[in-house]
C-alpha atoms as a PDB file:
ATOM      1  CA  UNK A   1      -9.921   4.200  -0.295  1.00  0.00           C
ATOM      2  CA  UNK A   2      -9.497   1.898  -3.181  1.00  0.00           C
ATOM      3  CA  UNK A   3     -10.935  -1.587  -3.240  1.00  0.00           C
ATOM      4  CA  UNK A   4     -10.943  -4.788  -5.145  1.00  0.00           C
ATOM      5  CA  UNK A   5     -12.471  -4.836  -8.581  1.00  0.00           C
ATOM      6  CA  UNK A   6     -15.799  -6.321  -9.966  1.00  0.00           C
ATOM      7  CA  UNK A   7     -16.089  -9.881 -11.225  1.00  0.00           C
ATOM      8  CA  UNK A   8     -13.567  -9.625 -13.927  1.00  0.00           C
ATOM      9  CA  UNK A   9     -11.109  -7.390 -12.244  1.00  0.00           C
ATOM     10  CA  UNK A  10     -11.311  -9.165  -8.861  1.00  0.00           C
ATOM     11  CA  UNK A  11     -10.164 -12.312 -10.451  1.00  0.00           C
ATOM     12  CA  UNK A  12      -7.120 -10.316 -11.942  1.00  0.00           C
ATOM     13  CA  UNK A  13      -6.363  -8.633  -8.469  1.00  0.00           C
ATOM     14  CA  UNK A  14      -6.614 -11.949  -6.719  1.00  0.00           C
ATOM     15  CA  UNK A  15      -4.352 -13.535  -9.033  1.00  0.00           C
ATOM     16  CA  UNK A  16      -1.688 -10.616  -8.446  1.00  0.00           C
ATOM     17  CA  UNK A  17      -2.151 -10.949  -4.579  1.00  0.00           C
ATOM     18  CA  UNK A  18      -1.636 -14.797  -4.730  1.00  0.00           C
ATOM     19  CA  UNK A  19       1.275 -14.894  -7.129  1.00  0.00           C
ATOM     20  CA  UNK A  20       4.165 -14.918  -4.886  1.00  0.00           C
ATOM     21  CA  UNK A  21       6.209 -17.941  -6.001  1.00  0.00           C
ATOM     22  CA  UNK A  22       9.336 -17.816  -8.136  1.00  0.00           C
ATOM     23  CA  UNK A  23      11.619 -20.603  -9.609  1.00  0.00           C
ATOM     24  CA  UNK A  24      15.315 -21.034 -10.273  1.00  0.00           C
ATOM     25  CA  UNK A  25      16.672 -23.351 -12.842  1.00  0.00           C
ATOM     26  CA  UNK A  26      20.055 -24.734 -13.386  1.00  0.00           C
ATOM     27  CA  UNK A  27      21.712 -26.005 -16.558  1.00  0.00           C
ATOM     28  CA  UNK A  28      25.067 -27.397 -17.462  1.00  0.00           C
ATOM     29  CA  UNK A  29      27.408 -26.537 -20.450  1.00  0.00           C
ATOM     30  CA  UNK A  30      28.449 -30.283 -20.681  1.00  0.00           C
ATOM     31  CA  UNK A  31      25.516 -32.155 -22.428  1.00  0.00           C
ATOM     32  CA  UNK A  32      27.371 -35.397 -23.268  1.00  0.00           C
ATOM     33  CA  UNK A  33      25.643 -38.695 -22.392  1.00  0.00           C
ATOM     34  CA  UNK A  34      26.458 -40.287 -19.165  1.00  0.00           C
ATOM     35  CA  UNK A  35      27.523 -37.098 -17.331  1.00  0.00           C
ATOM     36  CA  UNK A  36      26.060 -36.277 -13.972  1.00  0.00           C
ATOM     37  CA  UNK A  37      23.344 -33.341 -14.482  1.00  0.00           C
ATOM     38  CA  UNK A  38      22.314 -33.333 -10.852  1.00  0.00           C
ATOM     39  CA  UNK A  39      21.762 -29.531  -9.934  1.00  0.00           C
ATOM     40  CA  UNK A  40      24.527 -28.080  -7.626  1.00  0.00           C
ATOM     41  CA  UNK A  41      23.750 -28.162  -3.903  1.00  0.00           C
ATOM     42  CA  UNK A  42      21.957 -24.968  -2.591  1.00  0.00           C
ATOM     43  CA  UNK A  43      25.269 -23.351  -1.288  1.00  0.00           C
ATOM     44  CA  UNK A  44      26.435 -23.121  -4.880  1.00  0.00           C
ATOM     45  CA  UNK A  45      23.461 -20.742  -5.719  1.00  0.00           C
ATOM     46  CA  UNK A  46      25.818 -18.066  -4.612  1.00  0.00           C
ATOM     47  CA  UNK A  47      29.129 -19.544  -4.963  1.00  0.00           C
ATOM     48  CA  UNK A  48      29.251 -21.547  -8.281  1.00  0.00           C
ATOM     49  CA  UNK A  49      32.612 -23.160  -9.389  1.00  0.00           C
ATOM     50  CA  UNK A  50      34.044 -23.487 -12.785  1.00  0.00           C
ATOM     51  CA  UNK A  51      31.966 -26.576 -13.636  1.00  0.00           C
ATOM     52  CA  UNK A  52      28.818 -24.372 -13.686  1.00  0.00           C
ATOM     53  CA  UNK A  53      29.879 -22.577 -16.969  1.00  0.00           C
ATOM     54  CA  UNK A  54      26.319 -21.722 -18.048  1.00  0.00           C
ATOM     55  CA  UNK A  55      25.064 -20.613 -14.597  1.00  0.00           C
ATOM     56  CA  UNK A  56      24.812 -16.820 -14.348  1.00  0.00           C
ATOM     57  CA  UNK A  57      25.253 -15.511 -10.745  1.00  0.00           C
ATOM     58  CA  UNK A  58      22.869 -12.910  -9.385  1.00  0.00           C
ATOM     59  CA  UNK A  59      24.481  -9.804  -8.211  1.00  0.00           C
ATOM     60  CA  UNK A  60      22.745 -10.238  -4.825  1.00  0.00           C
ATOM     61  CA  UNK A  61      20.767 -13.111  -3.151  1.00  0.00           C
ATOM     62  CA  UNK A  62      17.174 -13.040  -3.650  1.00  0.00           C
ATOM     63  CA  UNK A  63      16.467 -11.965  -0.065  1.00  0.00           C
ATOM     64  CA  UNK A  64      18.203  -8.658  -0.701  1.00  0.00           C
ATOM     65  CA  UNK A  65      15.970  -7.987  -3.613  1.00  0.00           C
ATOM     66  CA  UNK A  66      12.844  -8.384  -1.385  1.00  0.00           C
ATOM     67  CA  UNK A  67      14.356  -6.070   1.132  1.00  0.00           C
ATOM     68  CA  UNK A  68      15.124  -3.288  -1.270  1.00  0.00           C
ATOM     69  CA  UNK A  69      11.864  -3.365  -3.192  1.00  0.00           C
ATOM     70  CA  UNK A  70       8.970  -1.073  -1.924  1.00  0.00           C
ATOM     71  CA  UNK A  71       5.629  -2.778  -1.444  1.00  0.00           C
ATOM     72  CA  UNK A  72       2.303  -1.373  -0.919  1.00  0.00           C
ATOM     73  CA  UNK A  73       1.329   2.246  -1.470  1.00  0.00           C
ATOM     74  CA  UNK A  74       3.782   4.237  -3.550  1.00  0.00           C
ATOM     75  CA  UNK A  75       3.099   6.940  -1.012  1.00  0.00           C
ATOM     76  CA  UNK A  76       5.132   5.220   1.611  1.00  0.00           C
ATOM     77  CA  UNK A  77       8.106   3.951  -0.523  1.00  0.00           C
ATOM     78  CA  UNK A  78       8.748   1.237   2.051  1.00  0.00           C
ATOM     79  CA  UNK A  79       9.380  -2.397   2.402  1.00  0.00           C
ATOM     80  CA  UNK A  80       7.787  -4.698   5.057  1.00  0.00           C
ATOM     81  CA  UNK A  81      10.601  -7.051   5.411  1.00  0.00           C
ATOM     82  CA  UNK A  82      11.218  -8.850   8.824  1.00  0.00           C
ATOM     83  CA  UNK A  83      12.761  -6.325  11.111  1.00  0.00           C
ATOM     84  CA  UNK A  84      12.598  -3.484   8.905  1.00  0.00           C
ATOM     85  CA  UNK A  85      11.261   0.103   9.190  1.00  0.00           C
ATOM     86  CA  UNK A  86       7.658  -0.093   7.814  1.00  0.00           C
ATOM     87  CA  UNK A  87       4.976   2.540   8.936  1.00  0.00           C
ATOM     88  CA  UNK A  88       2.159   0.091   9.486  1.00  0.00           C
ATOM     89  CA  UNK A  89       3.892  -1.832  12.130  1.00  0.00           C
ATOM     90  CA  UNK A  90       5.869  -1.378  15.427  1.00  0.00           C
ATOM     91  CA  UNK A  91       9.531  -0.299  15.114  1.00  0.00           C
ATOM     92  CA  UNK A  92      12.498  -1.650  16.905  1.00  0.00           C
ATOM     93  CA  UNK A  93      15.858   0.224  17.441  1.00  0.00           C
ATOM     94  CA  UNK A  94      17.501  -2.689  15.357  1.00  0.00           C
ATOM     95  CA  UNK A  95      15.008  -1.817  12.417  1.00  0.00           C
ATOM     96  CA  UNK A  96      16.261   1.701  12.582  1.00  0.00           C
ATOM     97  CA  UNK A  97      19.785   0.750  12.394  1.00  0.00           C
ATOM     98  CA  UNK A  98      20.530   1.615  16.037  1.00  0.00           C
ATOM     99  CA  UNK A  99      22.583  -0.762  17.966  1.00  0.00           C
ATOM    100  CA  UNK A 100      21.189  -1.958  21.327  1.00  0.00           C
ATOM    101  CA  UNK A 101      24.182  -0.426  23.134  1.00  0.00           C
ATOM    102  CA  UNK A 102      24.044   2.907  21.238  1.00  0.00           C
ATOM    103  CA  UNK A 103      24.306   5.992  23.340  1.00  0.00           C
ATOM    104  CA  UNK A 104      21.983   9.233  23.044  1.00  0.00           C
ATOM    105  CA  UNK A 105      24.368  10.891  20.632  1.00  0.00           C
ATOM    106  CA  UNK A 106      24.347   7.931  18.215  1.00  0.00           C
ATOM    107  CA  UNK A 107      20.543   7.697  18.306  1.00  0.00           C
ATOM    108  CA  UNK A 108      20.019  11.592  17.972  1.00  0.00           C
ATOM    109  CA  UNK A 109      17.426  11.465  20.796  1.00  0.00           C
ATOM    110  CA  UNK A 110      17.224  13.089  24.088  1.00  0.00           C
ATOM    111  CA  UNK A 111      16.427   9.997  25.938  1.00  0.00           C
ATOM    112  CA  UNK A 112      18.146   6.711  25.023  1.00  0.00           C
ATOM    113  CA  UNK A 113      14.850   4.865  26.094  1.00  0.00           C
ATOM    114  CA  UNK A 114      12.673   6.981  23.826  1.00  0.00           C
ATOM    115  CA  UNK A 115      10.387   4.768  21.825  1.00  0.00           C
ATOM    116  CA  UNK A 116      10.624   4.924  17.968  1.00  0.00           C
ATOM    117  CA  UNK A 117       8.253   5.196  15.130  1.00  0.00           C
ATOM    118  CA  UNK A 118       8.555   4.598  11.318  1.00  0.00           C
ATOM    119  CA  UNK A 119       6.925   7.291   9.352  1.00  0.00           C
ATOM    120  CA  UNK A 120       6.791   8.724   5.882  1.00  0.00           C
ATOM    121  CA  UNK A 121       9.000  11.709   5.501  1.00  0.00           C
ATOM    122  CA  UNK A 122       9.983  14.001   2.500  1.00  0.00           C
ATOM    123  CA  UNK A 123      13.318  12.755   0.936  1.00  0.00           C
ATOM    124  CA  UNK A 124      14.844  14.507  -1.828  1.00  0.00           C
ATOM    125  CA  UNK A 125      17.084  11.562  -2.707  1.00  0.00           C
ATOM    126  CA  UNK A 126      14.194   9.072  -2.967  1.00  0.00           C
ATOM    127  CA  UNK A 127      13.932   9.268  -6.725  1.00  0.00           C
ATOM    128  CA  UNK A 128      10.263   9.706  -8.129  1.00  0.00           C
ATOM    129  CA  UNK A 129       8.622   8.755  -4.906  1.00  0.00           C
ATOM    130  CA  UNK A 130       9.796  11.827  -3.245  1.00  0.00           C
ATOM    131  CA  UNK A 131       9.437  10.228   0.187  1.00  0.00           C
ATOM    132  CA  UNK A 132      11.003   7.463   2.232  1.00  0.00           C
ATOM    133  CA  UNK A 133      10.294   5.773   5.525  1.00  0.00           C
ATOM    134  CA  UNK A 134      12.400   6.899   8.278  1.00  0.00           C
ATOM    135  CA  UNK A 135      12.588   6.529  12.044  1.00  0.00           C
ATOM    136  CA  UNK A 136      11.823   9.187  14.538  1.00  0.00           C
ATOM    137  CA  UNK A 137      10.559   9.480  18.274  1.00  0.00           C
ATOM    138  CA  UNK A 138       7.252   8.116  18.965  1.00  0.00           C
ATOM    139  CA  UNK A 139       4.574   9.665  21.262  1.00  0.00           C
ATOM    140  CA  UNK A 140       1.611   8.075  22.997  1.00  0.00           C
ATOM    141  CA  UNK A 141      -1.272   9.092  20.664  1.00  0.00           C
ATOM    142  CA  UNK A 142      -3.435   6.374  19.169  1.00  0.00           C
ATOM    143  CA  UNK A 143      -6.526   6.382  16.855  1.00  0.00           C
ATOM    144  CA  UNK A 144      -8.454   9.542  17.167  1.00  0.00           C
ATOM    145  CA  UNK A 145      -6.197  11.155  19.856  1.00  0.00           C
ATOM    146  CA  UNK A 146      -5.506  14.866  19.217  1.00  0.00           C
ATOM    147  CA  UNK A 147      -2.022  15.684  17.974  1.00  0.00           C
ATOM    148  CA  UNK A 148       0.019  18.748  16.598  1.00  0.00           C
ATOM    149  CA  UNK A 149       3.063  16.691  15.177  1.00  0.00           C
ATOM    150  CA  UNK A 150       3.659  13.198  13.971  1.00  0.00           C
ATOM    151  CA  UNK A 151       6.019  12.711  17.046  1.00  0.00           C
ATOM    152  CA  UNK A 152       2.858  13.098  19.240  1.00  0.00           C
ATOM    153  CA  UNK A 153       1.580   9.778  17.855  1.00  0.00           C
ATOM    154  CA  UNK A 154       2.506   6.251  18.890  1.00  0.00           C
ATOM    155  CA  UNK A 155       4.298   3.894  16.329  1.00  0.00           C
ATOM    156  CA  UNK A 156       2.105   2.855  13.483  1.00  0.00           C
ATOM    157  CA  UNK A 157       0.306   6.170  13.697  1.00  0.00           C
ATOM    158  CA  UNK A 158       0.583   9.570  11.801  1.00  0.00           C
ATOM    159  CA  UNK A 159      -0.902  13.033  12.614  1.00  0.00           C
ATOM    160  CA  UNK A 160      -3.543  13.980  10.021  1.00  0.00           C
ATOM    161  CA  UNK A 161      -6.200  16.558  10.449  1.00  0.00           C
ATOM    162  CA  UNK A 162      -4.780  17.006  13.925  1.00  0.00           C
ATOM    163  CA  UNK A 163      -5.664  13.453  14.939  1.00  0.00           C
ATOM    164  CA  UNK A 164      -3.545  10.437  15.214  1.00  0.00           C
ATOM    165  CA  UNK A 165      -4.530   7.796  12.403  1.00  0.00           C
ATOM    166  CA  UNK A 166      -3.087   4.324  11.902  1.00  0.00           C
ATOM    167  CA  UNK A 167      -0.964   3.985   8.685  1.00  0.00           C
ATOM    168  CA  UNK A 168      -2.118   1.610   6.057  1.00  0.00           C
ATOM    169  CA  UNK A 169       0.790   1.419   3.514  1.00  0.00           C
ATOM    170  CA  UNK A 170      -0.380  -2.173   2.893  1.00  0.00           C
ATOM    171  CA  UNK A 171      -4.101  -1.183   2.333  1.00  0.00           C
ATOM    172  CA  UNK A 172      -7.234  -2.123   4.167  1.00  0.00           C
ATOM    173  CA  UNK A 173      -5.571  -5.000   5.748  1.00  0.00           C
ATOM    174  CA  UNK A 174      -3.913  -2.610   8.118  1.00  0.00           C
ATOM    175  CA  UNK A 175      -7.296  -0.983   9.250  1.00  0.00           C
ATOM    176  CA  UNK A 176      -9.965  -2.041  11.541  1.00  0.00           C
ATOM    177  CA  UNK A 177     -13.464  -3.084  10.067  1.00  0.00           C
ATOM    178  CA  UNK A 178     -14.915   0.288  10.999  1.00  0.00           C
ATOM    179  CA  UNK A 179     -12.095   2.119   9.103  1.00  0.00           C
ATOM    180  CA  UNK A 180     -11.107   2.298   5.580  1.00  0.00           C
ATOM    181  CA  UNK A 181      -7.592   3.164   3.930  1.00  0.00           C
ATOM    182  CA  UNK A 182      -7.692   6.613   2.734  1.00  0.00           C
ATOM    183  CA  UNK A 183      -5.065   9.230   1.635  1.00  0.00           C
ATOM    184  CA  UNK A 184      -4.652  12.452   3.717  1.00  0.00           C
ATOM    185  CA  UNK A 185      -2.012  15.135   3.965  1.00  0.00           C
ATOM    186  CA  UNK A 186       0.115  15.038   7.223  1.00  0.00           C
ATOM    187  CA  UNK A 187      -0.237  17.930   9.689  1.00  0.00           C
ATOM    188  CA  UNK A 188       3.468  18.484   9.822  1.00  0.00           C
ATOM    189  CA  UNK A 189       3.864  18.633   6.092  1.00  0.00           C
ATOM    190  CA  UNK A 190       0.649  19.200   4.063  1.00  0.00           C
ATOM    191  CA  UNK A 191       2.457  18.494   0.824  1.00  0.00           C
ATOM    192  CA  UNK A 192       3.239  15.028   2.023  1.00  0.00           C
ATOM    193  CA  UNK A 193       0.210  12.658   1.364  1.00  0.00           C
ATOM    194  CA  UNK A 194       0.187   9.397   3.380  1.00  0.00           C
ATOM    195  CA  UNK A 195      -2.267   6.505   3.400  1.00  0.00           C
ATOM    196  CA  UNK A 196      -4.083   6.286   6.806  1.00  0.00           C
ATOM    197  CA  UNK A 197      -7.043   4.489   8.179  1.00  0.00           C
ATOM    198  CA  UNK A 198     -10.145   6.878   8.405  1.00  0.00           C
ATOM    199  CA  UNK A 199     -13.532   6.218   9.987  1.00  0.00           C
ATOM    200  CA  UNK A 200     -16.212   4.987   7.588  1.00  0.00           C
ATOM    201  CA  UNK A 201     -19.046   7.435   7.039  1.00  0.00           C
ATOM    202  CA  UNK A 202     -21.849   5.215   5.617  1.00  0.00           C
ATOM    203  CA  UNK A 203     -23.667   6.498   2.407  1.00  0.00           C
ATOM    204  CA  UNK A 204     -25.581   5.436  -0.585  1.00  0.00           C
ATOM    205  CA  UNK A 205     -23.796   5.255  -3.921  1.00  0.00           C
ATOM    206  CA  UNK A 206     -24.973   7.851  -6.496  1.00  0.00           C
ATOM    207  CA  UNK A 207     -27.451   9.474  -3.974  1.00  0.00           C
ATOM    208  CA  UNK A 208     -27.612  13.203  -3.736  1.00  0.00           C
ATOM    209  CA  UNK A 209     -27.034  14.903  -0.502  1.00  0.00           C
ATOM    210  CA  UNK A 210     -25.480  12.007   1.370  1.00  0.00           C
ATOM    211  CA  UNK A 211     -22.040  13.557   1.942  1.00  0.00           C
ATOM    212  CA  UNK A 212     -20.641  16.823   2.817  1.00  0.00           C
ATOM    213  CA  UNK A 213     -19.773  19.360   0.243  1.00  0.00           C
ATOM    214  CA  UNK A 214     -16.347  18.330  -1.310  1.00  0.00           C
ATOM    215  CA  UNK A 215     -17.044  14.764  -0.552  1.00  0.00           C
ATOM    216  CA  UNK A 216     -18.460  11.817  -2.583  1.00  0.00           C
ATOM    217  CA  UNK A 217     -19.744   8.356  -1.825  1.00  0.00           C
ATOM    218  CA  UNK A 218     -17.620   5.579  -2.986  1.00  0.00           C
ATOM    219  CA  UNK A 219     -16.913   1.917  -2.337  1.00  0.00           C
ATOM    220  CA  UNK A 220     -14.140   1.731   0.226  1.00  0.00           C
ATOM    221  CA  UNK A 221     -13.625  -1.891   1.352  1.00  0.00           C
ATOM    222  CA  UNK A 222     -13.501  -5.282  -0.455  1.00  0.00           C
ATOM    223  CA  UNK A 223     -16.831  -6.370   1.199  1.00  0.00           C
ATOM    224  CA  UNK A 224     -18.796  -3.481  -0.456  1.00  0.00           C
ATOM    225  CA  UNK A 225     -18.702  -0.965   2.489  1.00  0.00           C
ATOM    226  CA  UNK A 226     -19.335   2.573   1.264  1.00  0.00           C
ATOM    227  CA  UNK A 227     -18.122   5.779   2.831  1.00  0.00           C
ATOM    228  CA  UNK A 228     -17.973   9.440   2.079  1.00  0.00           C
ATOM    229  CA  UNK A 229     -14.471  10.417   1.040  1.00  0.00           C
ATOM    230  CA  UNK A 230     -12.738  13.543  -0.372  1.00  0.00           C
ATOM    231  CA  UNK A 231     -13.453  14.493  -4.069  1.00  0.00           C
ATOM    232  CA  UNK A 232     -10.270  14.648  -6.041  1.00  0.00           C
ATOM    233  CA  UNK A 233      -9.229  15.381  -9.670  1.00  0.00           C
ATOM    234  CA  UNK A 234      -8.426  11.881 -10.978  1.00  0.00           C
ATOM    235  CA  UNK A 235     -10.640  11.017 -13.887  1.00  0.00           C
ATOM    236  CA  UNK A 236     -11.744   7.687 -15.412  1.00  0.00           C
ATOM    237  CA  UNK A 237      -8.827   5.324 -16.011  1.00  0.00           C
ATOM    238  CA  UNK A 238      -6.403   7.564 -13.973  1.00  0.00           C
ATOM    239  CA  UNK A 239      -4.316   6.265 -11.013  1.00  0.00           C
ATOM    240  CA  UNK A 240      -5.762   6.961  -7.642  1.00  0.00           C
ATOM    241  CA  UNK A 241      -2.989   5.786  -5.403  1.00  0.00           C
ATOM    242  CA  UNK A 242      -1.808   9.257  -4.930  1.00  0.00           C
ATOM    243  CA  UNK A 243      -4.987  11.277  -5.709  1.00  0.00           C
ATOM    244  CA  UNK A 244      -8.717  10.957  -4.916  1.00  0.00           C
ATOM    245  CA  UNK A 245     -11.094  10.180  -7.800  1.00  0.00           C
ATOM    246  CA  UNK A 246     -13.544  12.886  -9.025  1.00  0.00           C
ATOM    247  CA  UNK A 247     -17.077  12.788  -7.947  1.00  0.00           C
ATOM    248  CA  UNK A 248     -19.136   9.935  -9.215  1.00  0.00           C
ATOM    249  CA  UNK A 249     -16.099   7.734  -9.625  1.00  0.00           C
ATOM    250  CA  UNK A 250     -14.832   4.882  -7.539  1.00  0.00           C
ATOM    251  CA  UNK A 251     -11.181   3.838  -6.914  1.00  0.00           C
ATOM    252  CA  UNK A 252     -10.598   0.127  -7.441  1.00  0.00           C
ATOM    253  CA  UNK A 253      -7.711  -2.319  -7.715  1.00  0.00           C
ATOM    254  CA  UNK A 254      -4.793  -3.602  -5.905  1.00  0.00           C
ATOM    255  CA  UNK A 255      -2.688  -1.277  -3.772  1.00  0.00           C
ATOM    256  CA  UNK A 256      -0.191   0.339  -5.969  1.00  0.00           C
ATOM    257  CA  UNK A 257      -2.061  -0.294  -9.134  1.00  0.00           C
ATOM    258  CA  UNK A 258      -5.381   1.426  -8.454  1.00  0.00           C
ATOM    259  CA  UNK A 259      -7.601   3.302 -10.855  1.00  0.00           C
ATOM    260  CA  UNK A 260     -10.691   5.456 -11.104  1.00  0.00           C
ATOM    261  CA  UNK A 261     -13.803   3.882 -12.553  1.00  0.00           C
ATOM    262  CA  UNK A 262     -17.204   5.549 -13.243  1.00  0.00           C
ATOM    263  CA  UNK A 263     -20.164   4.523 -11.100  1.00  0.00           C
ATOM    264  CA  UNK A 264     -23.308   3.667 -13.160  1.00  0.00           C
ATOM    265  CA  UNK A 265     -26.863   2.082 -12.900  1.00  0.00           C
ATOM    266  CA  UNK A 266     -26.790  -1.428 -14.277  1.00  0.00           C
ATOM    267  CA  UNK A 267     -30.437  -1.241 -15.720  1.00  0.00           C
ATOM    268  CA  UNK A 268     -29.927   1.669 -17.863  1.00  0.00           C
ATOM    269  CA  UNK A 269     -26.223   1.917 -18.274  1.00  0.00           C
ATOM    270  CA  UNK A 270     -26.458   5.711 -17.369  1.00  0.00           C
ATOM    271  CA  UNK A 271     -22.982   6.809 -16.718  1.00  0.00           C
ATOM    272  CA  UNK A 272     -21.098   4.577 -19.127  1.00  0.00           C
ATOM    273  CA  UNK A 273     -19.527   5.683 -22.479  1.00  0.00           C
ATOM    274  CA  UNK A 274     -20.465   3.935 -25.782  1.00  0.00           C
ATOM    275  CA  UNK A 275     -19.223   0.398 -25.871  1.00  0.00           C
ATOM    276  CA  UNK A 276     -18.941  -0.014 -22.023  1.00  0.00           C
ATOM    277  CA  UNK A 277     -21.170  -2.122 -19.696  1.00  0.00           C
ATOM    278  CA  UNK A 278     -22.309  -1.331 -16.302  1.00  0.00           C
ATOM    279  CA  UNK A 279     -21.199  -4.318 -14.225  1.00  0.00           C
ATOM    280  CA  UNK A 280     -22.156  -4.874 -10.564  1.00  0.00           C
ATOM    281  CA  UNK A 281     -22.539  -7.761  -8.330  1.00  0.00           C
ATOM    282  CA  UNK A 282     -21.383  -9.075  -4.905  1.00  0.00           C
ATOM    283  CA  UNK A 283     -19.322  -8.586  -2.914  1.00  0.00           C
ATOM    284  CA  UNK A 284     -18.294  -5.335  -4.185  1.00  0.00           C
ATOM    285  CA  UNK A 285     -21.842  -3.996  -5.055  1.00  0.00           C
ATOM    286  CA  UNK A 286     -24.497  -5.254  -2.729  1.00  0.00           C
ATOM    287  CA  UNK A 287     -26.967  -3.077  -4.451  1.00  0.00           C
ATOM    288  CA  UNK A 288     -27.795  -4.694  -7.777  1.00  0.00           C
ATOM    289  CA  UNK A 289     -28.922  -1.360  -9.295  1.00  0.00           C
ATOM    290  CA  UNK A 290     -25.298   0.115  -9.127  1.00  0.00           C
ATOM    291  CA  UNK A 291     -22.035  -1.010 -10.654  1.00  0.00           C
ATOM    292  CA  UNK A 292     -19.050   0.264 -12.517  1.00  0.00           C
ATOM    293  CA  UNK A 293     -18.385   0.990 -16.101  1.00  0.00           C
ATOM    294  CA  UNK A 294     -15.959  -1.338 -18.054  1.00  0.00           C
END
């Protein structure tokens, strides 16, 4: 649903997506000339000895921090670490904390060969997120197949509007080119909103009558693809990771930090507040007449 920003914001988002490196420095409490200041070998990162007086050992290895930190949409509250339970991807028994030799009673399933799926579920102990990724039985339904429950859908899919749709906790990268990452209530629990890949319904920005009542035309992919999507209540500058933008607005930004911006006409600045400019340009706005206020 929310896409990358215009020329200025696109650069900021790209920097955020690409900035994944980190560094770790060492120091010694003994600074006299002639002493060996060579950093300790890697194993001492987690087991420093008394000579490393100024080194502060982390509570856990860096890998543990990566595992426990949710990534992508806050609606999923999940971490895509290797082998873990992440709704966008196929799930293994090991990822669900089930040993390969576990019996039916340990798995809580009727059939020990029952395939598993990782899905977003309400969780009262998940803090502000209110949801958590959890494993449950998987069905056979894939994109567009009818369903009544999430368990009717295959791993990687959720039941919304009585149809199986692919999860996109990571954003548009989890969707096909004919879909876009939108937010929809699950059929099982309408109060639980999840990100799923929905079919693109082509439309023209700021044009009247191009979408059904209760829908608005917006940019939905980084290449400028437009589609009709549900009108929400989020206004200019408000977060749209959990709520659709109001009519005439577009949701832009990196997944987890998306905001609503007002659509406008570049020639007249119609739609923008005083002091704002209407900025367009490729690839987000192929039509040079339309842009967003900033």
